[in-house]
Amino acid sequence: MLVDMVIDGIDVPEDGAEPIDHVGELLQRIARGDQTAFARLYDMLSPRAFGLILRVLVDRSQSEEVLQEVFLEVWQSASRFAPNRGQGRSWVLTIAHRRAVDRVRSSQASTNRDVRAGLRDLDVAHDGVAEQAELRIEGEKVATALSTLPDAQREALTLAYYGGYSQSEIAALMGAPLGTIKTRMRDGLSRLRAEMGVTA
């Protein structure tokens, strides 16, 4: 079989056939305790996962910690990967994004507690706490709205905005024409805006 490109463990055949999910195959071996498969998966996906985490957290040392947590979770929960529900790469990157967001929320909660304690001591009102709460609520609204989209639209938007993939890479990874991916993203964004009550 001719292979046009390989992206994050997925062979994208030149002839338009179904992409081969090597990450999914590795996850199935990891679920059986295969340490060699785990090492290969780490080498294959850790740079992409780290880049995603770093974009969310910004702090490099925290990002390195979260990366280790992500791959520990992959090792422990590989048996929960369902090949019929998506690509292995997307499954791993979703874990990475969720862990990074959880770390942000945890850090923010700790910061908010400190701010509230400091404000009580100073007896001064502070709009920053309200602003942070509003941002957190907005982020939760986006996650909820994203979950209402059809799988194809949600995966395309997640790969673009959380995974950092270009539209061409997404087309190759999802085995769909570039025009289809552009339509899915446009329609998905339109539905997100409607779901969130954004008019412009």
Protein backbone atom coordinates (compact mmCIF):
# COMPACT_ATOMS: atom_id res chain seq x y z
CA MET A 1 0.00 0.00 0.00
CA LEU A 2 1.32 3.44 -0.92
CA VAL A 3 1.45 5.85 2.00
CA ASP A 4 1.11 9.56 1.30
CA MET A 5 2.06 10.70 4.79
CA VAL A 6 2.36 9.55 8.39
CA ILE A 7 1.03 11.91 11.07
CA ASP A 8 1.28 11.05 14.78
CA GLY A 9 1.11 7.31 14.27
CA ILE A 10 -1.50 7.25 11.52
CA ASP A 11 -0.68 6.09 8.00
CA VAL A 12 -2.73 8.14 5.57
CA PRO A 13 -2.91 6.04 2.37
CA GLU A 14 -2.40 7.85 -0.92
CA ASP A 15 -5.27 5.95 -2.53
CA GLY A 16 -7.88 7.34 -0.11
CA ALA A 17 -8.31 4.05 1.78
CA GLU A 18 -9.09 4.00 5.52
CA PRO A 19 -6.18 5.44 7.59
CA ILE A 20 -4.23 2.89 9.64
CA ASP A 21 -4.27 3.78 13.34
CA HIS A 22 -0.93 2.57 14.71
CA VAL A 23 -1.54 4.42 18.00
CA GLY A 24 -4.76 2.47 18.48
CA GLU A 25 -2.88 -0.78 17.87
CA LEU A 26 -0.23 0.23 20.43
CA LEU A 27 -2.94 1.10 22.97
CA GLN A 28 -4.42 -2.37 22.59
CA ARG A 29 -0.99 -3.90 23.25
CA ILE A 30 -0.45 -1.55 26.23
CA ALA A 31 -3.77 -2.73 27.66
CA ARG A 32 -2.20 -6.21 27.76
CA GLY A 33 0.84 -4.85 29.67
CA ASP A 34 3.26 -4.49 26.73
CA GLN A 35 5.99 -2.11 27.95
CA THR A 36 7.70 -1.95 24.54
CA ALA A 37 4.46 -0.72 22.98
CA PHE A 38 4.19 1.90 25.73
CA ALA A 39 7.74 3.14 25.03
CA ARG A 40 6.94 3.40 21.31
CA LEU A 41 3.72 5.28 22.01
CA TYR A 42 5.56 7.70 24.32
CA ASP A 43 8.22 8.39 21.67
CA MET A 44 5.54 8.84 19.01
CA LEU A 45 3.11 11.16 20.85
CA SER A 46 4.90 12.84 23.77
CA PRO A 47 6.16 15.82 21.68
CA ARG A 48 2.64 16.57 20.38
CA ALA A 49 1.05 16.02 23.82
CA PHE A 50 3.67 18.23 25.48
CA GLY A 51 3.07 21.02 22.95
CA LEU A 52 -0.67 20.86 23.60
CA ILE A 53 -0.19 20.92 27.39
CA LEU A 54 2.33 23.76 27.18
CA ARG A 55 -0.12 25.87 25.14
CA VAL A 56 -2.69 25.47 27.91
CA LEU A 57 -0.40 25.85 30.95
CA VAL A 58 2.39 28.07 29.54
CA ASP A 59 4.61 27.02 32.49
CA ARG A 60 7.19 24.48 31.25
CA SER A 61 7.84 22.67 34.54
CA GLN A 62 4.12 22.21 35.22
CA SER A 63 3.67 21.01 31.64
CA GLU A 64 6.38 18.37 32.15
CA GLU A 65 4.62 17.15 35.31
CA VAL A 66 1.26 16.96 33.54
CA LEU A 67 2.85 15.08 30.60
CA GLN A 68 4.01 12.38 33.03
CA GLU A 69 0.51 12.24 34.55
CA VAL A 70 -0.98 11.85 31.07
CA PHE A 71 1.19 8.87 30.16
CA LEU A 72 0.65 7.29 33.57
CA GLU A 73 -3.09 7.53 32.89
CA VAL A 74 -2.59 6.08 29.39
CA TRP A 75 -0.69 3.12 30.88
CA GLN A 76 -3.34 2.54 33.55
CA SER A 77 -6.43 3.04 31.39
CA ALA A 78 -5.42 1.83 27.90
CA SER A 79 -8.02 -0.93 28.18
CA ARG A 80 -10.73 1.77 28.08
CA PHE A 81 -9.70 2.88 24.57
CA ALA A 82 -12.44 1.89 22.11
CA PRO A 83 -11.13 1.73 18.51
CA ASN A 84 -14.65 1.95 17.09
CA ARG A 85 -15.15 5.37 18.73
CA GLY A 86 -12.16 7.25 17.29
CA GLN A 87 -8.43 7.36 16.60
CA GLY A 88 -5.92 6.43 19.31
CA ARG A 89 -4.08 9.72 18.83
CA SER A 90 -7.26 11.70 19.54
CA TRP A 91 -7.89 9.61 22.66
CA VAL A 92 -4.41 10.34 24.05
CA LEU A 93 -4.54 14.05 23.15
CA THR A 94 -7.96 14.37 24.76
CA ILE A 95 -6.48 13.00 27.99
CA ALA A 96 -3.61 15.49 27.67
CA HIS A 97 -5.97 18.42 27.16
CA ARG A 98 -8.24 17.36 30.03
CA ARG A 99 -5.28 16.97 32.40
CA ALA A 100 -3.92 20.40 31.42
CA VAL A 101 -7.30 22.06 31.95
CA ASP A 102 -7.67 20.27 35.30
CA ARG A 103 -4.27 21.66 36.35
CA VAL A 104 -5.33 25.18 35.33
CA ARG A 105 -8.56 24.84 37.31
CA SER A 106 -6.72 23.49 40.34
CA SER A 107 -4.15 26.31 40.21
CA GLN A 108 -6.90 28.86 39.68
CA ALA A 109 -8.91 27.52 42.63
CA SER A 110 -5.84 27.79 44.85
CA THR A 111 -5.13 31.31 43.59
CA ASN A 112 -8.76 32.31 44.13
CA ARG A 113 -8.64 31.02 47.71
CA ASP A 114 -5.47 33.03 48.36
CA VAL A 115 -7.00 36.13 46.77
CA ARG A 116 -10.19 35.80 48.81
CA ALA A 117 -8.18 35.38 52.00
CA GLY A 118 -6.04 38.40 51.15
CA LEU A 119 -9.06 40.52 50.30
CA ARG A 120 -10.74 39.59 53.57
CA ASP A 121 -7.60 40.73 55.38
CA LEU A 122 -7.51 43.98 53.42
CA ASP A 123 -11.28 44.41 53.46
CA VAL A 124 -11.11 45.65 49.84
CA ALA A 125 -13.37 44.62 46.96
CA HIS A 126 -11.57 43.19 43.96
CA ASP A 127 -13.04 42.76 40.48
CA GLY A 128 -10.32 40.26 39.46
CA VAL A 129 -12.03 37.42 41.31
CA ALA A 130 -15.30 38.06 39.47
CA GLU A 131 -13.41 38.26 36.18
CA GLN A 132 -11.67 34.92 36.79
CA ALA A 133 -14.97 33.31 37.75
CA GLU A 134 -16.54 34.64 34.56
CA LEU A 135 -13.67 33.25 32.45
CA ARG A 136 -14.00 29.85 34.10
CA ILE A 137 -17.77 29.79 33.51
CA GLU A 138 -17.20 30.78 29.88
CA GLY A 139 -14.71 27.92 29.44
CA GLU A 140 -17.22 25.46 30.87
CA LYS A 141 -19.89 26.81 28.48
CA VAL A 142 -17.56 26.18 25.53
CA ALA A 143 -16.87 22.61 26.68
CA THR A 144 -20.60 21.95 27.13
CA ALA A 145 -21.46 23.48 23.74
CA LEU A 146 -18.69 21.45 22.08
CA SER A 147 -20.17 18.24 23.49
CA THR A 148 -23.47 18.95 21.65
CA LEU A 149 -21.83 18.90 18.20
CA PRO A 150 -21.89 15.85 15.92
CA ASP A 151 -18.74 13.70 16.34
CA ALA A 152 -17.21 14.73 12.99
CA GLN A 153 -17.55 18.48 13.70
CA ARG A 154 -16.35 18.12 17.31
CA GLU A 155 -13.28 16.08 16.29
CA ALA A 156 -12.32 18.56 13.55
CA LEU A 157 -12.62 21.56 15.90
CA THR A 158 -10.82 19.76 18.74
CA LEU A 159 -7.92 18.81 16.47
CA ALA A 160 -7.67 22.39 15.17
CA TYR A 161 -8.02 24.39 18.37
CA TYR A 162 -6.68 22.00 21.01
CA GLY A 163 -4.33 19.89 18.90
CA GLY A 164 -2.90 22.67 16.74
CA TYR A 165 -3.41 20.81 13.45
CA SER A 166 -3.88 22.60 10.14
CA GLN A 167 -7.00 21.95 8.06
CA SER A 168 -4.92 19.89 5.60
CA GLU A 169 -3.53 17.71 8.41
CA ILE A 170 -7.04 17.24 9.83
CA ALA A 171 -8.29 16.19 6.39
CA ALA A 172 -5.50 13.62 6.13
CA LEU A 173 -6.02 12.33 9.68
CA MET A 174 -9.79 12.02 9.33
CA GLY A 175 -9.61 10.59 5.80
CA ALA A 176 -11.89 13.30 4.42
CA PRO A 177 -11.52 15.87 1.59
CA LEU A 178 -10.20 19.28 2.63
CA GLY A 179 -13.46 20.94 1.53
CA THR A 180 -15.44 18.61 3.80
CA ILE A 181 -13.22 19.50 6.77
CA LYS A 182 -13.64 23.23 6.07
CA THR A 183 -17.42 22.76 5.94
CA ARG A 184 -17.45 20.73 9.18
CA MET A 185 -15.41 23.41 10.95
CA ARG A 186 -17.54 26.27 9.62
CA ASP A 187 -20.79 24.50 10.51
CA GLY A 188 -19.41 23.45 13.90
CA LEU A 189 -18.36 27.01 14.76
CA SER A 190 -21.76 28.29 13.65
CA ARG A 191 -23.51 25.77 15.93
CA LEU A 192 -21.17 26.65 18.80
CA ARG A 193 -22.02 30.34 18.45
CA ALA A 194 -25.74 29.56 18.39
CA GLU A 195 -25.42 27.22 21.39
CA MET A 196 -23.62 29.94 23.36
CA GLY A 197 -25.93 32.75 22.24
CA VAL A 198 -23.22 34.61 20.32
CA THR A 199 -24.77 36.68 17.53
CA ALA A 200 -21.69 37.96 15.72
